[in-house]
C-alpha atoms as a PDB file:
ATOM      1  CA  UNK A   1       1.802  17.234 -11.665  1.00  0.00           C
ATOM      2  CA  UNK A   2       0.903  18.997  -8.963  1.00  0.00           C
ATOM      3  CA  UNK A   3      -3.026  20.034  -9.626  1.00  0.00           C
ATOM      4  CA  UNK A   4      -4.943  22.898  -7.612  1.00  0.00           C
ATOM      5  CA  UNK A   5      -6.315  21.219  -4.479  1.00  0.00           C
ATOM      6  CA  UNK A   6      -8.415  21.975  -1.445  1.00  0.00           C
ATOM      7  CA  UNK A   7      -6.053  22.490   1.338  1.00  0.00           C
ATOM      8  CA  UNK A   8      -6.715  19.725   4.212  1.00  0.00           C
ATOM      9  CA  UNK A   9      -5.165  18.167   7.232  1.00  0.00           C
ATOM     10  CA  UNK A  10      -3.071  15.240   5.851  1.00  0.00           C
ATOM     11  CA  UNK A  11      -3.364  12.477   4.179  1.00  0.00           C
ATOM     12  CA  UNK A  12      -3.176  10.812   0.808  1.00  0.00           C
ATOM     13  CA  UNK A  13      -4.344   7.719  -1.477  1.00  0.00           C
ATOM     14  CA  UNK A  14      -1.051   5.624  -1.815  1.00  0.00           C
ATOM     15  CA  UNK A  15      -1.905   3.180  -5.269  1.00  0.00           C
ATOM     16  CA  UNK A  16      -0.498  -0.180  -6.253  1.00  0.00           C
ATOM     17  CA  UNK A  17       0.277  -2.343  -9.279  1.00  0.00           C
ATOM     18  CA  UNK A  18       2.334  -5.014 -10.703  1.00  0.00           C
ATOM     19  CA  UNK A  19       1.519  -5.341 -14.309  1.00  0.00           C
ATOM     20  CA  UNK A  20      -0.067  -4.026 -16.948  1.00  0.00           C
ATOM     21  CA  UNK A  21      -1.469  -5.774 -19.880  1.00  0.00           C
ATOM     22  CA  UNK A  22      -0.486  -9.604 -18.696  1.00  0.00           C
ATOM     23  CA  UNK A  23      -4.037 -10.420 -17.728  1.00  0.00           C
ATOM     24  CA  UNK A  24      -4.259 -12.914 -19.564  1.00  0.00           C
ATOM     25  CA  UNK A  25      -1.431 -15.220 -17.697  1.00  0.00           C
ATOM     26  CA  UNK A  26      -1.543 -12.709 -14.232  1.00  0.00           C
ATOM     27  CA  UNK A  27      -5.356 -12.055 -13.939  1.00  0.00           C
ATOM     28  CA  UNK A  28      -4.698 -11.783  -9.942  1.00  0.00           C
ATOM     29  CA  UNK A  29      -1.594  -9.167 -10.702  1.00  0.00           C
ATOM     30  CA  UNK A  30      -1.744  -7.168 -14.062  1.00  0.00           C
ATOM     31  CA  UNK A  31      -4.190  -4.524 -14.939  1.00  0.00           C
ATOM     32  CA  UNK A  32      -5.361  -4.369 -17.942  1.00  0.00           C
ATOM     33  CA  UNK A  33      -3.526  -1.629 -20.739  1.00  0.00           C
ATOM     34  CA  UNK A  34      -6.618   0.245 -20.787  1.00  0.00           C
ATOM     35  CA  UNK A  35      -7.941   0.013 -17.512  1.00  0.00           C
ATOM     36  CA  UNK A  36      -4.647   1.462 -16.416  1.00  0.00           C
ATOM     37  CA  UNK A  37      -4.715   4.523 -19.354  1.00  0.00           C
ATOM     38  CA  UNK A  38      -8.698   5.231 -17.823  1.00  0.00           C
ATOM     39  CA  UNK A  39      -7.033   5.584 -13.903  1.00  0.00           C
ATOM     40  CA  UNK A  40      -3.990   7.225 -15.203  1.00  0.00           C
ATOM     41  CA  UNK A  41      -6.231   9.760 -17.812  1.00  0.00           C
ATOM     42  CA  UNK A  42      -8.639  10.779 -14.251  1.00  0.00           C
ATOM     43  CA  UNK A  43      -5.692  11.858 -12.392  1.00  0.00           C
ATOM     44  CA  UNK A  44      -4.905  14.157 -15.141  1.00  0.00           C
ATOM     45  CA  UNK A  45      -8.143  16.006 -14.204  1.00  0.00           C
ATOM     46  CA  UNK A  46      -6.920  19.446 -11.704  1.00  0.00           C
ATOM     47  CA  UNK A  47      -8.670  17.931  -9.066  1.00  0.00           C
ATOM     48  CA  UNK A  48      -6.513  15.397  -8.225  1.00  0.00           C
ATOM     49  CA  UNK A  49      -2.743  16.203  -6.762  1.00  0.00           C
ATOM     50  CA  UNK A  50      -0.070  13.778  -8.084  1.00  0.00           C
ATOM     51  CA  UNK A  51       3.153  13.585  -5.705  1.00  0.00           C
ATOM     52  CA  UNK A  52       5.953  11.303  -5.620  1.00  0.00           C
ATOM     53  CA  UNK A  53       5.635   8.553  -2.283  1.00  0.00           C
ATOM     54  CA  UNK A  54       8.640  10.590  -0.688  1.00  0.00           C
ATOM     55  CA  UNK A  55       7.164  13.634  -0.766  1.00  0.00           C
ATOM     56  CA  UNK A  56       3.638  11.966   0.387  1.00  0.00           C
ATOM     57  CA  UNK A  57       5.512  10.542   3.111  1.00  0.00           C
ATOM     58  CA  UNK A  58       7.668  13.415   4.678  1.00  0.00           C
ATOM     59  CA  UNK A  59       4.662  15.714   4.507  1.00  0.00           C
ATOM     60  CA  UNK A  60       2.411  12.961   6.510  1.00  0.00           C
ATOM     61  CA  UNK A  61       5.319  12.078   9.347  1.00  0.00           C
ATOM     62  CA  UNK A  62       5.143  16.027   9.426  1.00  0.00           C
ATOM     63  CA  UNK A  63       2.119  16.492  10.211  1.00  0.00           C
ATOM     64  CA  UNK A  64       2.210  19.228   6.432  1.00  0.00           C
ATOM     65  CA  UNK A  65      -1.005  20.656   4.972  1.00  0.00           C
ATOM     66  CA  UNK A  66      -1.497  18.029   1.557  1.00  0.00           C
ATOM     67  CA  UNK A  67      -3.672  19.144  -0.704  1.00  0.00           C
ATOM     68  CA  UNK A  68      -7.570  17.579  -0.657  1.00  0.00           C
ATOM     69  CA  UNK A  69      -7.412  14.312  -3.370  1.00  0.00           C
ATOM     70  CA  UNK A  70      -3.730  13.874  -3.296  1.00  0.00           C
ATOM     71  CA  UNK A  71      -2.563  10.290  -4.806  1.00  0.00           C
ATOM     72  CA  UNK A  72       1.064   8.576  -4.838  1.00  0.00           C
ATOM     73  CA  UNK A  73       1.902   5.660  -7.636  1.00  0.00           C
ATOM     74  CA  UNK A  74       4.031   2.293  -6.699  1.00  0.00           C
ATOM     75  CA  UNK A  75       4.360  -0.617  -8.724  1.00  0.00           C
ATOM     76  CA  UNK A  76       6.068  -3.882  -6.502  1.00  0.00           C
ATOM     77  CA  UNK A  77       8.663  -6.040  -8.128  1.00  0.00           C
ATOM     78  CA  UNK A  78       9.712  -4.546 -11.408  1.00  0.00           C
ATOM     79  CA  UNK A  79       7.498  -6.127 -14.001  1.00  0.00           C
ATOM     80  CA  UNK A  80       9.172  -5.438 -17.574  1.00  0.00           C
ATOM     81  CA  UNK A  81       5.361  -3.785 -18.238  1.00  0.00           C
ATOM     82  CA  UNK A  82       6.907  -1.548 -15.688  1.00  0.00           C
ATOM     83  CA  UNK A  83       9.161  -0.266 -18.296  1.00  0.00           C
ATOM     84  CA  UNK A  84       7.390  -1.017 -21.360  1.00  0.00           C
ATOM     85  CA  UNK A  85       3.863   0.365 -20.638  1.00  0.00           C
ATOM     86  CA  UNK A  86       3.626   2.760 -17.175  1.00  0.00           C
ATOM     87  CA  UNK A  87       7.125   4.615 -17.298  1.00  0.00           C
ATOM     88  CA  UNK A  88       6.095   6.516 -20.759  1.00  0.00           C
ATOM     89  CA  UNK A  89       2.700   7.131 -19.553  1.00  0.00           C
ATOM     90  CA  UNK A  90       3.810   8.661 -17.073  1.00  0.00           C
ATOM     91  CA  UNK A  91       6.239  10.439 -17.941  1.00  0.00           C
ATOM     92  CA  UNK A  92       4.351  12.220 -21.126  1.00  0.00           C
ATOM     93  CA  UNK A  93       1.921  12.688 -17.862  1.00  0.00           C
ATOM     94  CA  UNK A  94       4.618  14.695 -15.875  1.00  0.00           C
ATOM     95  CA  UNK A  95       4.112  12.217 -12.642  1.00  0.00           C
ATOM     96  CA  UNK A  96       6.219  10.482 -10.810  1.00  0.00           C
ATOM     97  CA  UNK A  97       5.877   7.260  -9.551  1.00  0.00           C
ATOM     98  CA  UNK A  98       8.388   4.753  -6.726  1.00  0.00           C
ATOM     99  CA  UNK A  99       9.103   1.333  -8.038  1.00  0.00           C
ATOM    100  CA  UNK A 100       9.877  -1.222  -5.535  1.00  0.00           C
ATOM    101  CA  UNK A 101      12.084  -3.609  -6.509  1.00  0.00           C
ATOM    102  CA  UNK A 102      12.930  -6.856  -4.881  1.00  0.00           C
ATOM    103  CA  UNK A 103      16.675  -8.050  -6.764  1.00  0.00           C
ATOM    104  CA  UNK A 104      16.725 -11.748  -6.565  1.00  0.00           C
ATOM    105  CA  UNK A 105      14.349 -11.593 -10.514  1.00  0.00           C
ATOM    106  CA  UNK A 106      16.430  -9.282 -11.678  1.00  0.00           C
ATOM    107  CA  UNK A 107      19.811 -10.798 -10.874  1.00  0.00           C
ATOM    108  CA  UNK A 108      18.897 -14.181 -12.295  1.00  0.00           C
ATOM    109  CA  UNK A 109      17.100 -12.119 -15.878  1.00  0.00           C
ATOM    110  CA  UNK A 110      13.809 -13.980 -14.841  1.00  0.00           C
ATOM    111  CA  UNK A 111      11.187 -13.471 -18.011  1.00  0.00           C
ATOM    112  CA  UNK A 112       8.953 -10.783 -17.517  1.00  0.00           C
ATOM    113  CA  UNK A 113      11.390  -8.633 -15.045  1.00  0.00           C
ATOM    114  CA  UNK A 114      13.589  -5.481 -16.392  1.00  0.00           C
ATOM    115  CA  UNK A 115      17.186  -5.235 -16.054  1.00  0.00           C
ATOM    116  CA  UNK A 116      19.253  -3.246 -14.211  1.00  0.00           C
ATOM    117  CA  UNK A 117      20.275  -0.887 -17.928  1.00  0.00           C
ATOM    118  CA  UNK A 118      16.443  -0.599 -17.904  1.00  0.00           C
ATOM    119  CA  UNK A 119      16.348   0.156 -14.008  1.00  0.00           C
ATOM    120  CA  UNK A 120      18.966   2.765 -14.640  1.00  0.00           C
ATOM    121  CA  UNK A 121      16.895   4.554 -17.306  1.00  0.00           C
ATOM    122  CA  UNK A 122      14.398   4.849 -15.102  1.00  0.00           C
ATOM    123  CA  UNK A 123      16.289   5.860 -11.978  1.00  0.00           C
ATOM    124  CA  UNK A 124      18.285   8.629 -13.956  1.00  0.00           C
ATOM    125  CA  UNK A 125      15.313   9.625 -15.189  1.00  0.00           C
ATOM    126  CA  UNK A 126      13.981  10.401 -11.983  1.00  0.00           C
ATOM    127  CA  UNK A 127      11.741   7.527 -10.893  1.00  0.00           C
ATOM    128  CA  UNK A 128      12.107   6.394  -7.137  1.00  0.00           C
ATOM    129  CA  UNK A 129      13.960   3.046  -6.054  1.00  0.00           C
ATOM    130  CA  UNK A 130      12.242   1.335  -3.171  1.00  0.00           C
ATOM    131  CA  UNK A 131      13.806  -2.150  -1.045  1.00  0.00           C
ATOM    132  CA  UNK A 132      11.493  -5.163  -1.322  1.00  0.00           C
ATOM    133  CA  UNK A 133      13.791  -7.585   0.079  1.00  0.00           C
ATOM    134  CA  UNK A 134      15.905 -10.015  -2.235  1.00  0.00           C
ATOM    135  CA  UNK A 135      13.795 -12.840  -2.537  1.00  0.00           C
ATOM    136  CA  UNK A 136      10.275 -11.814  -1.822  1.00  0.00           C
ATOM    137  CA  UNK A 137       9.512 -13.241   0.711  1.00  0.00           C
ATOM    138  CA  UNK A 138       6.718 -13.959   4.064  1.00  0.00           C
ATOM    139  CA  UNK A 139       8.549 -11.894   6.632  1.00  0.00           C
ATOM    140  CA  UNK A 140       5.833 -12.065   8.919  1.00  0.00           C
ATOM    141  CA  UNK A 141       6.244 -15.925   9.070  1.00  0.00           C
ATOM    142  CA  UNK A 142      10.161 -15.672   9.144  1.00  0.00           C
ATOM    143  CA  UNK A 143      13.460 -15.621  11.456  1.00  0.00           C
ATOM    144  CA  UNK A 144      14.861 -12.137  12.069  1.00  0.00           C
ATOM    145  CA  UNK A 145      18.099 -13.143  10.812  1.00  0.00           C
ATOM    146  CA  UNK A 146      16.977 -14.266   7.316  1.00  0.00           C
ATOM    147  CA  UNK A 147      14.722 -10.853   7.347  1.00  0.00           C
ATOM    148  CA  UNK A 148      17.839  -9.080   8.828  1.00  0.00           C
ATOM    149  CA  UNK A 149      19.909 -10.844   5.286  1.00  0.00           C
ATOM    150  CA  UNK A 150      17.066  -9.702   2.521  1.00  0.00           C
ATOM    151  CA  UNK A 151      17.226  -6.487   3.409  1.00  0.00           C
ATOM    152  CA  UNK A 152      20.562  -5.884   3.207  1.00  0.00           C
ATOM    153  CA  UNK A 153      20.993  -8.096   0.343  1.00  0.00           C
ATOM    154  CA  UNK A 154      18.919  -6.140  -1.526  1.00  0.00           C
ATOM    155  CA  UNK A 155      20.624  -3.011  -0.082  1.00  0.00           C
ATOM    156  CA  UNK A 156      23.036  -3.740  -1.273  1.00  0.00           C
ATOM    157  CA  UNK A 157      22.671  -4.730  -4.959  1.00  0.00           C
ATOM    158  CA  UNK A 158      20.591  -2.235  -5.177  1.00  0.00           C
ATOM    159  CA  UNK A 159      23.528   0.482  -4.564  1.00  0.00           C
ATOM    160  CA  UNK A 160      26.192  -1.347  -7.023  1.00  0.00           C
ATOM    161  CA  UNK A 161      23.912  -1.375 -10.319  1.00  0.00           C
ATOM    162  CA  UNK A 162      21.881   2.235  -9.072  1.00  0.00           C
ATOM    163  CA  UNK A 163      23.727   4.000  -6.767  1.00  0.00           C
ATOM    164  CA  UNK A 164      20.920   4.325  -4.405  1.00  0.00           C
ATOM    165  CA  UNK A 165      20.203   3.505  -1.004  1.00  0.00           C
ATOM    166  CA  UNK A 166      16.001   3.327  -0.613  1.00  0.00           C
ATOM    167  CA  UNK A 167      14.597   5.207   2.299  1.00  0.00           C
ATOM    168  CA  UNK A 168      11.577   3.775   1.180  1.00  0.00           C
ATOM    169  CA  UNK A 169      10.294  -0.128   1.788  1.00  0.00           C
ATOM    170  CA  UNK A 170       7.088  -1.676   0.792  1.00  0.00           C
ATOM    171  CA  UNK A 171       6.803  -5.562   2.283  1.00  0.00           C
ATOM    172  CA  UNK A 172       6.261  -8.075   0.097  1.00  0.00           C
ATOM    173  CA  UNK A 173       2.538  -9.369   0.139  1.00  0.00           C
ATOM    174  CA  UNK A 174       2.111  -6.928   1.972  1.00  0.00           C
ATOM    175  CA  UNK A 175       2.853  -9.236   5.393  1.00  0.00           C
ATOM    176  CA  UNK A 176       3.987  -7.500   8.705  1.00  0.00           C
ATOM    177  CA  UNK A 177       4.741  -8.188  12.086  1.00  0.00           C
ATOM    178  CA  UNK A 178       5.530  -6.192  14.989  1.00  0.00           C
ATOM    179  CA  UNK A 179       8.625  -7.590  15.026  1.00  0.00           C
ATOM    180  CA  UNK A 180       9.465  -6.680  11.124  1.00  0.00           C
ATOM    181  CA  UNK A 181       8.303  -3.138  12.057  1.00  0.00           C
ATOM    182  CA  UNK A 182      11.017  -3.501  13.943  1.00  0.00           C
ATOM    183  CA  UNK A 183      14.038  -4.250  12.029  1.00  0.00           C
ATOM    184  CA  UNK A 184      12.989  -1.861   8.946  1.00  0.00           C
ATOM    185  CA  UNK A 185      13.543   0.835  11.885  1.00  0.00           C
ATOM    186  CA  UNK A 186      15.985  -0.369  12.547  1.00  0.00           C
ATOM    187  CA  UNK A 187      17.572  -0.659   8.947  1.00  0.00           C
ATOM    188  CA  UNK A 188      16.802   3.529   8.470  1.00  0.00           C
ATOM    189  CA  UNK A 189      13.699   3.708   6.365  1.00  0.00           C
ATOM    190  CA  UNK A 190      11.755   6.110   6.704  1.00  0.00           C
ATOM    191  CA  UNK A 191       8.237   5.154   6.054  1.00  0.00           C
ATOM    192  CA  UNK A 192       6.958   1.082   4.977  1.00  0.00           C
ATOM    193  CA  UNK A 193       3.903   0.166   3.080  1.00  0.00           C
ATOM    194  CA  UNK A 194       1.615  -2.575   3.045  1.00  0.00           C
ATOM    195  CA  UNK A 195      -1.291  -4.004   1.154  1.00  0.00           C
ATOM    196  CA  UNK A 196      -4.106  -3.128   3.026  1.00  0.00           C
ATOM    197  CA  UNK A 197      -6.712  -1.001   1.410  1.00  0.00           C
ATOM    198  CA  UNK A 198      -7.696   2.939   3.072  1.00  0.00           C
ATOM    199  CA  UNK A 199      -6.405   6.091   3.093  1.00  0.00           C
ATOM    200  CA  UNK A 200      -3.215   7.113   4.763  1.00  0.00           C
ATOM    201  CA  UNK A 201      -2.905   9.994   7.001  1.00  0.00           C
ATOM    202  CA  UNK A 202      -0.800  11.956   9.393  1.00  0.00           C
ATOM    203  CA  UNK A 203      -2.467  10.146  12.409  1.00  0.00           C
ATOM    204  CA  UNK A 204      -0.698   6.675  10.468  1.00  0.00           C
ATOM    205  CA  UNK A 205       1.595   4.448  11.773  1.00  0.00           C
ATOM    206  CA  UNK A 206       4.674   5.804   9.043  1.00  0.00           C
ATOM    207  CA  UNK A 207       6.253   1.687   8.866  1.00  0.00           C
ATOM    208  CA  UNK A 208       2.727   0.230   7.591  1.00  0.00           C
ATOM    209  CA  UNK A 209       0.956   2.819   5.471  1.00  0.00           C
ATOM    210  CA  UNK A 210      -2.202   1.466   3.217  1.00  0.00           C
ATOM    211  CA  UNK A 211      -1.913   1.114  -0.297  1.00  0.00           C
ATOM    212  CA  UNK A 212      -5.081   0.298  -3.136  1.00  0.00           C
ATOM    213  CA  UNK A 213      -4.401  -2.604  -5.366  1.00  0.00           C
ATOM    214  CA  UNK A 214      -5.023  -3.122  -8.604  1.00  0.00           C
ATOM    215  CA  UNK A 215      -5.216  -6.038 -11.002  1.00  0.00           C
ATOM    216  CA  UNK A 216      -8.007  -6.773 -13.612  1.00  0.00           C
ATOM    217  CA  UNK A 217     -11.082  -7.720 -11.531  1.00  0.00           C
ATOM    218  CA  UNK A 218     -10.503  -5.406  -8.591  1.00  0.00           C
ATOM    219  CA  UNK A 219      -8.928  -2.696 -11.858  1.00  0.00           C
ATOM    220  CA  UNK A 220     -12.347  -1.205 -12.906  1.00  0.00           C
ATOM    221  CA  UNK A 221     -12.016   2.488 -13.642  1.00  0.00           C
ATOM    222  CA  UNK A 222     -15.128   2.726 -10.260  1.00  0.00           C
ATOM    223  CA  UNK A 223     -13.645   1.181  -7.490  1.00  0.00           C
ATOM    224  CA  UNK A 224     -10.200   3.167  -8.864  1.00  0.00           C
ATOM    225  CA  UNK A 225     -12.559   6.540  -8.812  1.00  0.00           C
ATOM    226  CA  UNK A 226     -13.598   5.495  -4.986  1.00  0.00           C
ATOM    227  CA  UNK A 227     -10.856   4.874  -3.727  1.00  0.00           C
ATOM    228  CA  UNK A 228      -8.585   8.310  -5.453  1.00  0.00           C
ATOM    229  CA  UNK A 229     -11.648   9.911  -3.235  1.00  0.00           C
ATOM    230  CA  UNK A 230     -11.681   8.075  -0.941  1.00  0.00           C
ATOM    231  CA  UNK A 231     -10.893  10.222   3.160  1.00  0.00           C
ATOM    232  CA  UNK A 232      -9.439   9.261   5.895  1.00  0.00           C
ATOM    233  CA  UNK A 233     -11.277   7.065   8.756  1.00  0.00           C
ATOM    234  CA  UNK A 234      -8.622   7.531  11.752  1.00  0.00           C
ATOM    235  CA  UNK A 235      -8.625   4.909  13.989  1.00  0.00           C
ATOM    236  CA  UNK A 236      -6.213   4.390  17.511  1.00  0.00           C
ATOM    237  CA  UNK A 237      -6.444   1.599  20.682  1.00  0.00           C
ATOM    238  CA  UNK A 238      -5.568  -1.090  17.816  1.00  0.00           C
ATOM    239  CA  UNK A 239      -6.003  -4.653  19.359  1.00  0.00           C
ATOM    240  CA  UNK A 240      -3.970  -6.557  19.432  1.00  0.00           C
ATOM    241  CA  UNK A 241      -1.851  -4.792  17.708  1.00  0.00           C
ATOM    242  CA  UNK A 242       0.719  -7.283  15.804  1.00  0.00           C
ATOM    243  CA  UNK A 243      -0.672  -8.147  12.744  1.00  0.00           C
ATOM    244  CA  UNK A 244       1.012 -11.636  12.785  1.00  0.00           C
ATOM    245  CA  UNK A 245      -2.242 -13.461  14.767  1.00  0.00           C
ATOM    246  CA  UNK A 246      -1.057 -15.487  17.770  1.00  0.00           C
ATOM    247  CA  UNK A 247      -4.461 -15.932  19.149  1.00  0.00           C
ATOM    248  CA  UNK A 248      -6.800 -17.091  16.393  1.00  0.00           C
ATOM    249  CA  UNK A 249      -9.944 -15.587  15.474  1.00  0.00           C
ATOM    250  CA  UNK A 250      -8.357 -12.633  17.837  1.00  0.00           C
ATOM    251  CA  UNK A 251     -10.680 -11.347  19.483  1.00  0.00           C
ATOM    252  CA  UNK A 252     -10.265  -7.405  17.430  1.00  0.00           C
ATOM    253  CA  UNK A 253     -11.318  -4.030  18.612  1.00  0.00           C
ATOM    254  CA  UNK A 254     -10.301   0.041  17.389  1.00  0.00           C
ATOM    255  CA  UNK A 255     -11.514   2.948  18.915  1.00  0.00           C
ATOM    256  CA  UNK A 256     -12.740   5.737  15.388  1.00  0.00           C
ATOM    257  CA  UNK A 257     -11.237   9.264  16.059  1.00  0.00           C
ATOM    258  CA  UNK A 258     -13.615  11.973  18.115  1.00  0.00           C
ATOM    259  CA  UNK A 259     -14.881  14.025  15.010  1.00  0.00           C
ATOM    260  CA  UNK A 260     -16.691  10.759  13.101  1.00  0.00           C
ATOM    261  CA  UNK A 261     -20.578  11.275  13.039  1.00  0.00           C
ATOM    262  CA  UNK A 262     -22.709   7.822  11.421  1.00  0.00           C
ATOM    263  CA  UNK A 263     -21.094   5.283  13.577  1.00  0.00           C
ATOM    264  CA  UNK A 264     -24.242   3.422  12.654  1.00  0.00           C
ATOM    265  CA  UNK A 265     -23.229   2.608   9.729  1.00  0.00           C
ATOM    266  CA  UNK A 266     -19.655   1.343   9.422  1.00  0.00           C
ATOM    267  CA  UNK A 267     -19.924  -1.478   7.599  1.00  0.00           C
ATOM    268  CA  UNK A 268     -16.235  -4.138   8.250  1.00  0.00           C
ATOM    269  CA  UNK A 269     -15.780  -6.869   5.886  1.00  0.00           C
ATOM    270  CA  UNK A 270     -13.209  -9.433   5.924  1.00  0.00           C
ATOM    271  CA  UNK A 271     -11.768 -11.030   3.540  1.00  0.00           C
ATOM    272  CA  UNK A 272     -12.027 -14.437   4.298  1.00  0.00           C
ATOM    273  CA  UNK A 273     -15.482 -14.786   5.950  1.00  0.00           C
ATOM    274  CA  UNK A 274     -17.524 -11.597   4.735  1.00  0.00           C
ATOM    275  CA  UNK A 275     -19.402  -8.687   6.566  1.00  0.00           C
ATOM    276  CA  UNK A 276     -18.570  -9.446  10.046  1.00  0.00           C
ATOM    277  CA  UNK A 277     -21.266  -8.204  13.398  1.00  0.00           C
ATOM    278  CA  UNK A 278     -20.008  -4.511  15.095  1.00  0.00           C
ATOM    279  CA  UNK A 279     -19.837  -4.388  18.941  1.00  0.00           C
ATOM    280  CA  UNK A 280     -20.154  -0.571  20.139  1.00  0.00           C
ATOM    281  CA  UNK A 281     -19.244  -0.063  23.274  1.00  0.00           C
ATOM    282  CA  UNK A 282     -19.654   3.293  24.522  1.00  0.00           C
ATOM    283  CA  UNK A 283     -19.371   6.627  21.641  1.00  0.00           C
ATOM    284  CA  UNK A 284     -16.137   5.360  19.587  1.00  0.00           C
ATOM    285  CA  UNK A 285     -15.119   1.818  20.169  1.00  0.00           C
ATOM    286  CA  UNK A 286     -15.688  -0.505  17.829  1.00  0.00           C
ATOM    287  CA  UNK A 287     -15.105  -4.803  18.676  1.00  0.00           C
ATOM    288  CA  UNK A 288     -14.437  -7.768  16.488  1.00  0.00           C
ATOM    289  CA  UNK A 289     -15.079 -11.294  17.051  1.00  0.00           C
ATOM    290  CA  UNK A 290     -14.907 -12.854  14.729  1.00  0.00           C
ATOM    291  CA  UNK A 291     -16.900 -16.539  14.233  1.00  0.00           C
ATOM    292  CA  UNK A 292     -13.897 -18.349  12.742  1.00  0.00           C
ATOM    293  CA  UNK A 293     -10.605 -19.082  13.033  1.00  0.00           C
ATOM    294  CA  UNK A 294      -8.239 -16.849   9.870  1.00  0.00           C
ATOM    295  CA  UNK A 295      -7.212 -19.696   7.542  1.00  0.00           C
ATOM    296  CA  UNK A 296      -2.873 -19.561   7.302  1.00  0.00           C
ATOM    297  CA  UNK A 297      -1.380 -16.453   5.270  1.00  0.00           C
ATOM    298  CA  UNK A 298      -2.565 -13.648   4.649  1.00  0.00           C
ATOM    299  CA  UNK A 299      -6.460 -12.015   5.131  1.00  0.00           C
ATOM    300  CA  UNK A 300      -7.518  -8.525   5.117  1.00  0.00           C
ATOM    301  CA  UNK A 301     -10.124  -6.320   7.347  1.00  0.00           C
ATOM    302  CA  UNK A 302     -12.454  -3.506   5.858  1.00  0.00           C
ATOM    303  CA  UNK A 303     -13.617  -1.209   6.849  1.00  0.00           C
ATOM    304  CA  UNK A 304     -16.204   2.207   5.256  1.00  0.00           C
ATOM    305  CA  UNK A 305     -18.361   4.612   6.799  1.00  0.00           C
ATOM    306  CA  UNK A 306     -19.972   6.994   4.265  1.00  0.00           C
ATOM    307  CA  UNK A 307     -18.781  10.312   4.168  1.00  0.00           C
ATOM    308  CA  UNK A 308     -19.414  13.467   2.477  1.00  0.00           C
ATOM    309  CA  UNK A 309     -20.328  13.816  -1.048  1.00  0.00           C
ATOM    310  CA  UNK A 310     -20.634  10.905  -1.975  1.00  0.00           C
ATOM    311  CA  UNK A 311     -17.287  10.143  -0.506  1.00  0.00           C
ATOM    312  CA  UNK A 312     -16.099   7.184   1.606  1.00  0.00           C
ATOM    313  CA  UNK A 313     -14.043   6.810   4.467  1.00  0.00           C
ATOM    314  CA  UNK A 314     -11.498   3.588   4.776  1.00  0.00           C
ATOM    315  CA  UNK A 315      -9.473   2.064   7.151  1.00  0.00           C
ATOM    316  CA  UNK A 316      -7.945  -1.329   6.844  1.00  0.00           C
ATOM    317  CA  UNK A 317      -5.571  -3.531   7.912  1.00  0.00           C
ATOM    318  CA  UNK A 318      -3.980  -7.030   6.930  1.00  0.00           C
ATOM    319  CA  UNK A 319      -3.376 -10.262   8.571  1.00  0.00           C
ATOM    320  CA  UNK A 320      -1.265 -12.741   9.113  1.00  0.00           C
ATOM    321  CA  UNK A 321      -1.356 -16.652  10.005  1.00  0.00           C
ATOM    322  CA  UNK A 322       1.295 -18.646  10.368  1.00  0.00           C
ATOM    323  CA  UNK A 323      -0.242 -21.889   9.902  1.00  0.00           C
ATOM    324  CA  UNK A 324      -3.891 -23.542  10.338  1.00  0.00           C
END
């Protein structure tokens, strides 16, 4: 579905789901059927444009013009509810979407996952298939050789079963390190995606693009509307550059884009530590000194700034700590 939008410098919102209608058993990874219907109904309004993830990624990389309020839809892990609920509704709405497939669960015919026959139907019906490794491992904590084998095994199975060679990659759990990023580039992918909130824009790292994740607790229509209406908060000179944390807590900082105003209203929140204090150096540099070390595993930083027309500018980052 392509709706008319205002032509602006390239940016778009990428949304991510796992399951639909399975919230009773999997509340942290499922939205309700009612929430999903409300989301799709909102995107059917004419002010939104829904593009395929491939098209959005190519436009971001080339710096092409992207209509205001452009959205791409993604699903991770190939759950059966995507086939049963999401596909019919999105097909009815004429909205393209992408599934990132971790192949082991499909090969094992695991309960709650799609079969290869169902994925073949969807791929043949225009759904984009992405690589999500074989076992859905924590790549930032795994060896280079293990990660390489995981990517290549998944590529081989997707080729054998679906006759596709995906150009898009999603990091399991959204976890990435610079070493993992370099591997994804070396393996020939055109773009890769995390699970940190934010608006993807033409100045972003094409191999660590943000996605707004939704589940029952964070799937209310008000949050969804806030996300799909969000605008980019461009930053540069991020330190440390590697999401794999060595010194814990990190001495974190970034520089905000030159055209951003009202930085006194910038607010940042860490998923484990809550609202954090910001140190402003000069006109554009922001430094954060976290009060405590991050706990083992993943955590996220969200920074927001009020934008025009009651919209929000949004920058997010995901971190990974290997051990306490």
